């Protein structure tokens, strides 16, 4: 299996970074022949701003040369793992900007006939795992925000581009000394060590 990890946190001393390392370790301990690539959006200096003007046309987003390497990595991957914090009830602007720029018509989806309003997803056959952390309790997103984060990621994004197999790990109380960090890190490790 080919796994692309998209890591979105500015601090390599963070628990998010530790989560990402557990993903890598679990995959490596699962099978020596599995392939892994890691995209670190902050370290890459990725520009999340979506720009349209006379030089950058929306219809050409799927061939934007700035995004060529990322497009090739997404095409290469069988599984995409997103590791990110939840800030203000949603993923960081850096990750949302990545999604805005990458999931373009002609690359991630296409309208097959003129007048269609439901596109065909072009990323079929891939799976996604989302690993998110937050300061508040784990139930906050479900009880207070009606799972808006999952709706955004699963329905508005992944389903639209043809990805049906989506798993979420949502970890809360990450800034609490009683947050059971080791258990959470071990849960991620064990999942990737055994996942097929």
N, C-alpha and C. Protein backbone atom coordinates (compact mmCIF):
# COMPACT_ATOMS: atom_id res chain seq x y z
N UNK A 1 0.84 -1.19 0.00
CA UNK A 1 0.00 0.00 0.00
C UNK A 1 0.88 1.25 0.00
N UNK A 2 0.44 2.26 -0.71
CA UNK A 2 1.15 3.53 -0.77
C UNK A 2 0.37 4.55 0.06
N UNK A 3 1.02 5.11 1.07
CA UNK A 3 0.37 6.05 1.98
C UNK A 3 1.00 7.42 1.87
N UNK A 4 0.16 8.42 1.65
CA UNK A 4 0.57 9.82 1.66
C UNK A 4 0.06 10.45 2.95
N UNK A 5 0.98 11.00 3.75
CA UNK A 5 0.60 11.68 5.00
C UNK A 5 0.69 13.18 4.75
N UNK A 6 -0.40 13.89 5.01
CA UNK A 6 -0.41 15.34 4.88
C UNK A 6 -0.49 15.91 6.29
N UNK A 7 0.64 16.39 6.74
CA UNK A 7 0.81 16.89 8.12
C UNK A 7 0.66 18.40 8.11
N UNK A 8 -0.22 18.92 8.97
CA UNK A 8 -0.50 20.35 8.98
C UNK A 8 -0.46 20.90 10.41
N UNK A 9 0.73 21.18 10.87
CA UNK A 9 0.92 21.83 12.17
C UNK A 9 2.28 22.52 12.13
N UNK A 10 2.37 23.76 12.63
CA UNK A 10 3.64 24.49 12.51
C UNK A 10 4.74 24.06 13.47
N UNK A 11 4.41 23.24 14.47
CA UNK A 11 5.37 22.92 15.53
C UNK A 11 5.74 21.44 15.51
N UNK A 12 7.02 21.16 15.30
CA UNK A 12 7.46 19.76 15.30
C UNK A 12 7.66 19.20 16.70
N UNK A 13 7.40 20.00 17.71
CA UNK A 13 7.42 19.50 19.09
C UNK A 13 6.00 19.21 19.57
N UNK A 14 5.03 19.32 18.69
CA UNK A 14 3.62 19.19 19.08
C UNK A 14 3.19 17.73 19.16
N UNK A 15 2.03 17.53 19.77
CA UNK A 15 1.44 16.20 19.80
C UNK A 15 0.98 15.77 18.41
N UNK A 16 0.65 16.73 17.57
CA UNK A 16 0.31 16.39 16.18
C UNK A 16 1.50 15.74 15.49
N UNK A 17 2.68 16.28 15.73
CA UNK A 17 3.88 15.70 15.13
C UNK A 17 4.11 14.29 15.67
N UNK A 18 3.88 14.11 16.96
CA UNK A 18 4.00 12.78 17.55
C UNK A 18 2.99 11.81 16.94
N UNK A 19 1.78 12.31 16.66
CA UNK A 19 0.77 11.49 15.99
C UNK A 19 1.27 11.06 14.61
N UNK A 20 1.82 12.01 13.88
CA UNK A 20 2.33 11.71 12.54
C UNK A 20 3.43 10.64 12.61
N UNK A 21 4.30 10.76 13.60
CA UNK A 21 5.37 9.77 13.76
C UNK A 21 4.81 8.38 14.08
N UNK A 22 3.71 8.34 14.83
CA UNK A 22 3.09 7.06 15.14
C UNK A 22 2.47 6.43 13.90
N UNK A 23 1.93 7.25 13.03
CA UNK A 23 1.41 6.74 11.76
C UNK A 23 2.54 6.06 10.99
N UNK A 24 3.65 6.76 10.84
CA UNK A 24 4.80 6.22 10.10
C UNK A 24 5.30 4.94 10.76
N UNK A 25 5.45 4.96 12.07
CA UNK A 25 5.98 3.78 12.78
C UNK A 25 5.04 2.59 12.63
N UNK A 26 3.73 2.85 12.77
CA UNK A 26 2.76 1.76 12.63
C UNK A 26 2.79 1.14 11.25
N UNK A 27 2.87 1.99 10.21
CA UNK A 27 2.92 1.46 8.83
C UNK A 27 4.20 0.65 8.63
N UNK A 28 5.33 1.18 9.11
CA UNK A 28 6.59 0.47 8.93
C UNK A 28 6.61 -0.85 9.68
N UNK A 29 5.98 -0.90 10.85
CA UNK A 29 5.93 -2.14 11.61
C UNK A 29 4.91 -3.12 11.04
N UNK A 30 3.98 -2.61 10.25
CA UNK A 30 2.98 -3.47 9.61
C UNK A 30 3.60 -4.31 8.50
N UNK A 31 4.35 -3.64 7.62
CA UNK A 31 4.97 -4.35 6.49
C UNK A 31 6.13 -3.53 5.95
N UNK A 32 7.23 -4.19 5.75
CA UNK A 32 8.44 -3.48 5.31
C UNK A 32 8.32 -2.94 3.90
N UNK A 33 7.45 -3.53 3.09
CA UNK A 33 7.36 -3.11 1.70
C UNK A 33 6.35 -2.00 1.45
N UNK A 34 5.68 -1.52 2.50
CA UNK A 34 4.74 -0.41 2.31
C UNK A 34 5.50 0.88 2.05
N UNK A 35 4.95 1.71 1.18
CA UNK A 35 5.60 2.97 0.81
C UNK A 35 4.91 4.13 1.49
N UNK A 36 5.71 5.11 1.93
CA UNK A 36 5.19 6.27 2.65
C UNK A 36 5.83 7.53 2.08
N UNK A 37 5.02 8.55 1.89
CA UNK A 37 5.50 9.89 1.60
C UNK A 37 4.83 10.83 2.60
N UNK A 38 5.58 11.84 3.04
CA UNK A 38 5.05 12.82 4.00
C UNK A 38 5.11 14.20 3.38
N UNK A 39 3.99 14.89 3.42
CA UNK A 39 3.91 16.30 3.03
C UNK A 39 3.74 17.10 4.31
N UNK A 40 4.65 18.03 4.56
CA UNK A 40 4.59 18.92 5.73
C UNK A 40 4.30 20.31 5.18
N UNK A 41 3.03 20.71 5.22
CA UNK A 41 2.61 21.94 4.54
C UNK A 41 3.30 23.18 5.09
N UNK A 42 3.49 23.26 6.41
CA UNK A 42 4.16 24.44 6.97
C UNK A 42 5.64 24.44 6.60
N UNK A 43 6.29 23.30 6.71
CA UNK A 43 7.72 23.23 6.36
C UNK A 43 7.93 23.51 4.88
N UNK A 44 6.97 23.11 4.04
CA UNK A 44 7.06 23.37 2.61
C UNK A 44 6.87 24.84 2.27
N UNK A 45 6.32 25.61 3.22
CA UNK A 45 5.98 26.99 2.92
C UNK A 45 4.82 27.08 1.94
N UNK A 46 3.91 26.11 2.02
CA UNK A 46 2.77 26.07 1.11
C UNK A 46 1.96 27.35 1.24
N UNK A 47 1.58 27.91 0.11
CA UNK A 47 0.74 29.12 0.10
C UNK A 47 -0.71 28.69 -0.02
N UNK A 48 -1.52 28.85 1.04
CA UNK A 48 -2.90 28.37 1.00
C UNK A 48 -3.87 29.31 0.28
N UNK A 49 -3.39 30.48 -0.13
CA UNK A 49 -4.30 31.47 -0.73
C UNK A 49 -4.70 31.03 -2.14
N UNK A 50 -6.01 31.00 -2.36
CA UNK A 50 -6.56 30.69 -3.67
C UNK A 50 -6.67 31.99 -4.46
N UNK A 51 -6.00 32.07 -5.60
CA UNK A 51 -5.95 33.30 -6.38
C UNK A 51 -6.48 33.05 -7.78
N UNK A 52 -7.42 33.90 -8.21
CA UNK A 52 -7.88 33.93 -9.59
C UNK A 52 -7.68 35.34 -10.12
N UNK A 53 -7.09 35.47 -11.29
CA UNK A 53 -6.95 36.77 -11.93
C UNK A 53 -6.70 36.54 -13.42
N UNK A 54 -6.24 37.58 -14.12
CA UNK A 54 -6.02 37.42 -15.56
C UNK A 54 -4.88 36.45 -15.89
N UNK A 55 -4.02 36.17 -14.90
CA UNK A 55 -2.91 35.24 -15.12
C UNK A 55 -3.19 33.84 -14.58
N UNK A 56 -4.06 33.75 -13.59
CA UNK A 56 -4.41 32.45 -13.00
C UNK A 56 -5.91 32.25 -13.14
N UNK A 57 -6.29 31.42 -14.08
CA UNK A 57 -7.71 31.17 -14.35
C UNK A 57 -8.20 29.97 -13.54
N UNK A 58 -9.43 30.09 -13.08
CA UNK A 58 -9.99 28.98 -12.30
C UNK A 58 -10.01 27.69 -13.12
N UNK A 59 -10.32 27.79 -14.38
CA UNK A 59 -10.41 26.59 -15.22
C UNK A 59 -9.06 25.89 -15.39
N UNK A 60 -7.97 26.57 -15.03
CA UNK A 60 -6.63 25.98 -15.16
C UNK A 60 -6.05 25.49 -13.84
N UNK A 61 -6.85 25.51 -12.77
CA UNK A 61 -6.33 25.09 -11.46
C UNK A 61 -5.76 23.68 -11.49
N UNK A 62 -6.36 22.80 -12.25
CA UNK A 62 -5.92 21.39 -12.27
C UNK A 62 -4.58 21.19 -12.95
N UNK A 63 -4.05 22.23 -13.58
CA UNK A 63 -2.72 22.13 -14.19
C UNK A 63 -1.77 23.20 -13.65
N UNK A 64 -2.12 23.80 -12.51
CA UNK A 64 -1.26 24.81 -11.90
C UNK A 64 0.12 24.19 -11.64
N UNK A 65 1.19 24.73 -12.25
CA UNK A 65 2.51 24.10 -12.09
C UNK A 65 3.03 24.13 -10.65
N UNK A 66 2.57 25.09 -9.84
CA UNK A 66 3.00 25.15 -8.43
C UNK A 66 2.55 23.90 -7.66
N UNK A 67 1.49 23.26 -8.14
CA UNK A 67 0.90 22.14 -7.40
C UNK A 67 1.21 20.79 -8.04
N UNK A 68 2.05 20.77 -9.04
CA UNK A 68 2.31 19.54 -9.79
C UNK A 68 2.77 18.39 -8.88
N UNK A 69 3.74 18.64 -8.02
CA UNK A 69 4.27 17.58 -7.15
C UNK A 69 3.18 17.05 -6.23
N UNK A 70 2.38 17.95 -5.65
CA UNK A 70 1.30 17.50 -4.76
C UNK A 70 0.27 16.67 -5.53
N UNK A 71 -0.07 17.07 -6.74
CA UNK A 71 -1.02 16.29 -7.55
C UNK A 71 -0.48 14.88 -7.81
N UNK A 72 0.80 14.80 -8.15
CA UNK A 72 1.40 13.50 -8.41
C UNK A 72 1.40 12.63 -7.15
N UNK A 73 1.63 13.24 -5.99
CA UNK A 73 1.62 12.47 -4.74
C UNK A 73 0.22 11.94 -4.44
N UNK A 74 -0.80 12.76 -4.66
CA UNK A 74 -2.17 12.32 -4.41
C UNK A 74 -2.55 11.21 -5.37
N UNK A 75 -2.18 11.33 -6.64
CA UNK A 75 -2.46 10.28 -7.61
C UNK A 75 -1.75 8.98 -7.24
N UNK A 76 -0.53 9.11 -6.74
CA UNK A 76 0.29 7.95 -6.37
C UNK A 76 -0.32 7.17 -5.20
N UNK A 77 -0.94 7.86 -4.27
CA UNK A 77 -1.35 7.26 -2.99
C UNK A 77 -2.58 6.37 -3.12
N UNK A 78 -2.55 5.26 -2.40
CA UNK A 78 -3.75 4.44 -2.19
C UNK A 78 -4.53 4.96 -0.99
N UNK A 79 -3.79 5.47 -0.01
CA UNK A 79 -4.39 5.96 1.23
C UNK A 79 -3.78 7.32 1.55
N UNK A 80 -4.64 8.26 1.95
CA UNK A 80 -4.19 9.60 2.33
C UNK A 80 -4.53 9.79 3.81
N UNK A 81 -3.53 10.15 4.60
CA UNK A 81 -3.71 10.37 6.03
C UNK A 81 -3.49 11.86 6.30
N UNK A 82 -4.50 12.50 6.86
CA UNK A 82 -4.40 13.90 7.24
C UNK A 82 -4.19 13.98 8.75
N UNK A 83 -3.17 14.71 9.18
CA UNK A 83 -2.90 14.91 10.61
C UNK A 83 -2.92 16.42 10.85
N UNK A 84 -3.82 16.87 11.73
CA UNK A 84 -4.01 18.31 11.91
C UNK A 84 -4.72 18.61 13.23
N UNK A 85 -4.58 19.83 13.73
CA UNK A 85 -5.34 20.25 14.90
C UNK A 85 -6.70 20.80 14.48
N UNK A 86 -7.60 20.87 15.44
CA UNK A 86 -8.87 21.58 15.25
C UNK A 86 -8.73 22.94 15.93
N UNK A 87 -8.84 23.99 15.15
CA UNK A 87 -8.79 25.37 15.66
C UNK A 87 -10.10 26.05 15.30
N UNK A 88 -10.79 26.58 16.29
CA UNK A 88 -12.09 27.23 16.09
C UNK A 88 -13.09 26.30 15.39
N UNK A 89 -13.05 25.04 15.80
CA UNK A 89 -14.04 24.08 15.32
C UNK A 89 -13.80 23.54 13.93
N UNK A 90 -12.64 23.82 13.36
CA UNK A 90 -12.36 23.35 12.00
C UNK A 90 -10.86 23.16 11.80
N UNK A 91 -10.47 22.50 10.72
CA UNK A 91 -9.04 22.34 10.44
C UNK A 91 -8.37 23.69 10.20
N UNK A 92 -7.04 23.76 10.30
CA UNK A 92 -6.33 25.02 10.09
C UNK A 92 -6.54 25.57 8.67
N UNK A 93 -6.45 26.89 8.57
CA UNK A 93 -6.59 27.54 7.26
C UNK A 93 -5.56 26.99 6.27
N UNK A 94 -4.40 26.60 6.74
CA UNK A 94 -3.37 26.03 5.86
C UNK A 94 -3.91 24.79 5.15
N UNK A 95 -4.56 23.90 5.90
CA UNK A 95 -5.10 22.68 5.30
C UNK A 95 -6.31 22.99 4.42
N UNK A 96 -7.17 23.89 4.87
CA UNK A 96 -8.32 24.25 4.06
C UNK A 96 -7.89 24.90 2.74
N UNK A 97 -6.83 25.71 2.80
CA UNK A 97 -6.30 26.30 1.58
C UNK A 97 -5.70 25.25 0.66
N UNK A 98 -5.05 24.26 1.23
CA UNK A 98 -4.53 23.15 0.43
C UNK A 98 -5.67 22.45 -0.30
N UNK A 99 -6.75 22.19 0.42
CA UNK A 99 -7.92 21.56 -0.18
C UNK A 99 -8.51 22.45 -1.27
N UNK A 100 -8.66 23.75 -0.99
CA UNK A 100 -9.20 24.67 -1.99
C UNK A 100 -8.40 24.64 -3.28
N UNK A 101 -7.10 24.63 -3.16
CA UNK A 101 -6.24 24.70 -4.34
C UNK A 101 -6.08 23.35 -5.04
N UNK A 102 -6.04 22.26 -4.26
CA UNK A 102 -5.76 20.95 -4.84
C UNK A 102 -6.98 20.27 -5.44
N UNK A 103 -8.11 20.37 -4.79
CA UNK A 103 -9.27 19.59 -5.22
C UNK A 103 -10.02 20.32 -6.33
N UNK A 104 -9.35 20.46 -7.45
CA UNK A 104 -9.85 21.24 -8.56
C UNK A 104 -10.59 20.38 -9.57
N UNK A 105 -11.51 21.01 -10.28
CA UNK A 105 -12.18 20.36 -11.40
C UNK A 105 -11.13 19.97 -12.44
N UNK A 106 -11.26 18.76 -12.94
CA UNK A 106 -10.28 18.24 -13.88
C UNK A 106 -9.21 17.40 -13.22
N UNK A 107 -9.08 17.54 -11.91
CA UNK A 107 -8.15 16.71 -11.15
C UNK A 107 -8.90 15.84 -10.15
N UNK A 108 -9.70 16.44 -9.28
CA UNK A 108 -10.39 15.71 -8.23
C UNK A 108 -11.83 15.33 -8.61
N UNK A 109 -12.43 16.06 -9.52
CA UNK A 109 -13.79 15.77 -9.97
C UNK A 109 -13.98 16.35 -11.37
N UNK A 110 -15.04 15.91 -12.04
CA UNK A 110 -15.32 16.43 -13.38
C UNK A 110 -16.82 16.34 -13.65
N UNK A 111 -17.32 17.32 -14.36
CA UNK A 111 -18.70 17.28 -14.85
C UNK A 111 -18.66 16.65 -16.23
N UNK A 112 -19.33 15.50 -16.38
CA UNK A 112 -19.26 14.74 -17.62
C UNK A 112 -20.13 15.32 -18.72
N UNK A 113 -21.26 15.93 -18.33
CA UNK A 113 -22.16 16.50 -19.34
C UNK A 113 -22.47 17.94 -18.98
N UNK A 114 -22.67 18.76 -19.98
CA UNK A 114 -23.05 20.15 -19.75
C UNK A 114 -24.37 20.19 -19.00
N UNK A 115 -24.43 21.01 -17.98
CA UNK A 115 -25.65 21.14 -17.19
C UNK A 115 -25.70 20.22 -15.98
N UNK A 116 -24.77 19.26 -15.88
CA UNK A 116 -24.72 18.40 -14.69
C UNK A 116 -24.45 19.24 -13.45
N UNK A 117 -25.08 18.89 -12.35
CA UNK A 117 -24.78 19.59 -11.10
C UNK A 117 -24.15 18.66 -10.07
N UNK A 118 -24.13 17.37 -10.36
CA UNK A 118 -23.41 16.42 -9.51
C UNK A 118 -22.25 15.88 -10.34
N UNK A 119 -21.02 16.11 -9.89
CA UNK A 119 -19.87 15.68 -10.69
C UNK A 119 -19.52 14.22 -10.42
N UNK A 120 -18.62 13.73 -11.24
CA UNK A 120 -18.01 12.42 -10.99
C UNK A 120 -16.72 12.63 -10.23
N UNK A 121 -16.56 11.94 -9.12
CA UNK A 121 -15.31 12.02 -8.36
C UNK A 121 -14.21 11.28 -9.10
N UNK A 122 -13.04 11.89 -9.20
CA UNK A 122 -11.92 11.31 -9.94
C UNK A 122 -10.89 10.64 -9.03
N UNK A 123 -11.13 10.64 -7.72
CA UNK A 123 -10.18 10.03 -6.79
C UNK A 123 -10.73 8.74 -6.19
N UNK A 124 -11.57 8.06 -6.97
CA UNK A 124 -12.17 6.80 -6.51
C UNK A 124 -11.09 5.77 -6.23
N UNK A 125 -11.40 4.88 -5.29
CA UNK A 125 -10.50 3.79 -4.96
C UNK A 125 -9.49 4.12 -3.87
N UNK A 126 -9.41 5.37 -3.49
CA UNK A 126 -8.50 5.77 -2.41
C UNK A 126 -9.26 5.73 -1.09
N UNK A 127 -8.52 5.63 0.00
CA UNK A 127 -9.12 5.74 1.33
C UNK A 127 -8.46 6.91 2.05
N UNK A 128 -9.13 7.39 3.08
CA UNK A 128 -8.64 8.52 3.86
C UNK A 128 -8.76 8.21 5.34
N UNK A 129 -7.75 8.64 6.09
CA UNK A 129 -7.82 8.63 7.56
C UNK A 129 -7.53 10.06 8.01
N UNK A 130 -8.40 10.61 8.84
CA UNK A 130 -8.21 11.95 9.41
C UNK A 130 -7.91 11.81 10.89
N UNK A 131 -6.79 12.37 11.31
CA UNK A 131 -6.40 12.36 12.72
C UNK A 131 -6.34 13.80 13.18
N UNK A 132 -7.25 14.16 14.08
CA UNK A 132 -7.31 15.55 14.54
C UNK A 132 -7.21 15.62 16.06
N UNK A 133 -6.67 16.72 16.52
CA UNK A 133 -6.52 16.96 17.96
C UNK A 133 -7.14 18.31 18.29
N UNK A 134 -7.55 18.44 19.54
CA UNK A 134 -8.11 19.73 19.98
C UNK A 134 -7.90 19.92 21.47
N UNK A 135 -7.98 21.16 21.88
CA UNK A 135 -7.82 21.50 23.29
C UNK A 135 -9.03 21.05 24.10
N UNK A 136 -10.22 21.25 23.55
CA UNK A 136 -11.45 20.90 24.26
C UNK A 136 -11.68 19.40 24.32
N UNK A 137 -12.76 19.00 25.00
CA UNK A 137 -13.06 17.57 25.11
C UNK A 137 -13.46 16.98 23.77
N UNK A 138 -13.25 15.68 23.61
CA UNK A 138 -13.52 15.01 22.34
C UNK A 138 -14.96 15.20 21.89
N UNK A 139 -15.90 15.19 22.79
CA UNK A 139 -17.32 15.32 22.43
C UNK A 139 -17.74 16.72 22.01
N UNK A 140 -16.86 17.69 22.14
CA UNK A 140 -17.20 19.09 21.82
C UNK A 140 -17.73 19.24 20.40
N UNK A 141 -17.06 18.65 19.44
CA UNK A 141 -17.48 18.82 18.04
C UNK A 141 -18.84 18.20 17.79
N UNK A 142 -19.11 17.07 18.42
CA UNK A 142 -20.39 16.41 18.21
C UNK A 142 -21.52 17.12 18.94
N UNK A 143 -21.28 17.49 20.20
CA UNK A 143 -22.37 18.05 21.00
C UNK A 143 -22.61 19.53 20.73
N UNK A 144 -21.56 20.28 20.48
CA UNK A 144 -21.70 21.73 20.35
C UNK A 144 -21.79 22.17 18.89
N UNK A 145 -21.08 21.49 18.01
CA UNK A 145 -21.01 21.91 16.60
C UNK A 145 -21.65 20.91 15.64
N UNK A 146 -22.41 19.96 16.17
CA UNK A 146 -23.14 19.00 15.33
C UNK A 146 -22.25 18.29 14.31
N UNK A 147 -21.06 17.96 14.74
CA UNK A 147 -20.12 17.23 13.88
C UNK A 147 -19.80 17.98 12.58
N UNK A 148 -19.77 19.30 12.65
CA UNK A 148 -19.52 20.08 11.43
C UNK A 148 -18.19 19.73 10.78
N UNK A 149 -17.21 19.39 11.60
CA UNK A 149 -15.90 19.02 11.05
C UNK A 149 -16.01 17.76 10.18
N UNK A 150 -16.70 16.74 10.69
CA UNK A 150 -16.85 15.51 9.92
C UNK A 150 -17.70 15.73 8.67
N UNK A 151 -18.75 16.52 8.80
CA UNK A 151 -19.60 16.81 7.65
C UNK A 151 -18.78 17.51 6.57
N UNK A 152 -17.98 18.48 6.98
CA UNK A 152 -17.13 19.21 6.04
C UNK A 152 -16.19 18.26 5.31
N UNK A 153 -15.50 17.44 6.06
CA UNK A 153 -14.48 16.58 5.47
C UNK A 153 -15.09 15.39 4.71
N UNK A 154 -16.06 14.71 5.32
CA UNK A 154 -16.59 13.49 4.71
C UNK A 154 -17.54 13.80 3.55
N UNK A 155 -18.54 14.62 3.82
CA UNK A 155 -19.57 14.83 2.80
C UNK A 155 -19.20 15.90 1.78
N UNK A 156 -18.75 17.05 2.27
CA UNK A 156 -18.50 18.16 1.34
C UNK A 156 -17.22 17.98 0.55
N UNK A 157 -16.29 17.17 1.03
CA UNK A 157 -15.02 17.01 0.34
C UNK A 157 -14.85 15.60 -0.22
N UNK A 158 -14.65 14.62 0.66
CA UNK A 158 -14.26 13.30 0.19
C UNK A 158 -15.32 12.62 -0.66
N UNK A 159 -16.56 12.69 -0.26
CA UNK A 159 -17.62 12.09 -1.05
C UNK A 159 -17.69 12.75 -2.43
N UNK A 160 -17.49 14.04 -2.48
CA UNK A 160 -17.57 14.81 -3.72
C UNK A 160 -16.51 14.38 -4.72
N UNK A 161 -15.33 14.02 -4.22
CA UNK A 161 -14.23 13.64 -5.13
C UNK A 161 -14.12 12.13 -5.30
N UNK A 162 -15.09 11.39 -4.78
CA UNK A 162 -15.16 9.96 -5.03
C UNK A 162 -14.55 9.07 -3.98
N UNK A 163 -14.11 9.63 -2.86
CA UNK A 163 -13.50 8.82 -1.79
C UNK A 163 -14.59 8.43 -0.80
N UNK A 164 -14.86 7.14 -0.71
CA UNK A 164 -15.95 6.64 0.15
C UNK A 164 -15.45 6.10 1.50
N UNK A 165 -14.24 5.56 1.51
CA UNK A 165 -13.73 4.94 2.74
C UNK A 165 -12.97 5.99 3.55
N UNK A 166 -13.61 6.48 4.63
CA UNK A 166 -13.05 7.55 5.45
C UNK A 166 -13.15 7.16 6.92
N UNK A 167 -12.05 7.28 7.64
CA UNK A 167 -12.02 7.01 9.09
C UNK A 167 -11.53 8.24 9.81
N UNK A 168 -12.14 8.53 10.96
CA UNK A 168 -11.75 9.68 11.77
C UNK A 168 -11.23 9.23 13.13
N UNK A 169 -10.14 9.84 13.56
CA UNK A 169 -9.69 9.78 14.94
C UNK A 169 -9.74 11.22 15.44
N UNK A 170 -10.57 11.49 16.43
CA UNK A 170 -10.66 12.83 17.01
C UNK A 170 -10.26 12.75 18.48
N UNK A 171 -9.18 13.44 18.81
CA UNK A 171 -8.64 13.38 20.16
C UNK A 171 -8.77 14.73 20.84
N UNK A 172 -9.45 14.75 21.97
CA UNK A 172 -9.62 15.98 22.73
C UNK A 172 -8.74 16.03 23.96
N UNK A 173 -8.84 17.14 24.67
CA UNK A 173 -8.10 17.37 25.92
C UNK A 173 -6.60 17.22 25.73
N UNK A 174 -6.09 17.65 24.58
CA UNK A 174 -4.68 17.44 24.27
C UNK A 174 -3.75 18.36 25.04
N UNK A 175 -4.27 19.43 25.61
CA UNK A 175 -3.41 20.32 26.40
C UNK A 175 -3.54 20.05 27.88
N UNK A 176 -4.29 19.04 28.24
CA UNK A 176 -4.46 18.68 29.65
C UNK A 176 -3.39 17.68 30.06
N UNK A 177 -2.79 17.87 31.24
CA UNK A 177 -1.82 16.86 31.71
C UNK A 177 -2.49 15.51 31.98
N UNK A 178 -3.82 15.50 32.07
CA UNK A 178 -4.56 14.25 32.26
C UNK A 178 -5.20 13.78 30.94
N UNK A 179 -4.63 14.19 29.82
CA UNK A 179 -5.21 13.91 28.51
C UNK A 179 -4.96 12.53 27.95
N UNK A 180 -4.24 11.68 28.72
CA UNK A 180 -3.98 10.30 28.30
C UNK A 180 -3.30 10.26 26.93
N UNK A 181 -2.29 11.08 26.79
CA UNK A 181 -1.62 11.21 25.50
C UNK A 181 -1.01 9.90 25.02
N UNK A 182 -0.38 9.17 25.92
CA UNK A 182 0.26 7.92 25.51
C UNK A 182 -0.76 6.93 24.96
N UNK A 183 -1.92 6.87 25.59
CA UNK A 183 -2.97 5.96 25.10
C UNK A 183 -3.43 6.37 23.71
N UNK A 184 -3.55 7.66 23.48
CA UNK A 184 -4.00 8.16 22.18
C UNK A 184 -2.95 7.87 21.10
N UNK A 185 -1.71 8.11 21.43
CA UNK A 185 -0.63 7.83 20.49
C UNK A 185 -0.57 6.33 20.18
N UNK A 186 -0.77 5.52 21.19
CA UNK A 186 -0.73 4.07 21.00
C UNK A 186 -1.90 3.59 20.14
N UNK A 187 -3.05 4.23 20.30
CA UNK A 187 -4.22 3.87 19.49
C UNK A 187 -3.95 4.11 18.00
N UNK A 188 -3.31 5.24 17.70
CA UNK A 188 -2.96 5.54 16.31
C UNK A 188 -1.94 4.52 15.80
N UNK A 189 -0.93 4.26 16.58
CA UNK A 189 0.10 3.29 16.19
C UNK A 189 -0.52 1.92 15.91
N UNK A 190 -1.36 1.44 16.82
CA UNK A 190 -1.94 0.11 16.67
C UNK A 190 -2.85 0.02 15.45
N UNK A 191 -3.58 1.10 15.17
CA UNK A 191 -4.44 1.09 13.98
C UNK A 191 -3.61 0.90 12.71
N UNK A 192 -2.56 1.67 12.57
CA UNK A 192 -1.76 1.59 11.34
C UNK A 192 -0.90 0.34 11.29
N UNK A 193 -0.59 -0.22 12.44
CA UNK A 193 0.17 -1.48 12.44
C UNK A 193 -0.68 -2.64 11.94
N UNK A 194 -1.99 -2.55 12.16
CA UNK A 194 -2.88 -3.67 11.79
C UNK A 194 -3.78 -3.37 10.61
N UNK A 195 -3.91 -2.12 10.18
CA UNK A 195 -4.85 -1.75 9.11
C UNK A 195 -4.43 -2.38 7.78
N UNK A 196 -5.41 -2.84 7.04
CA UNK A 196 -5.16 -3.41 5.72
C UNK A 196 -5.64 -2.44 4.66
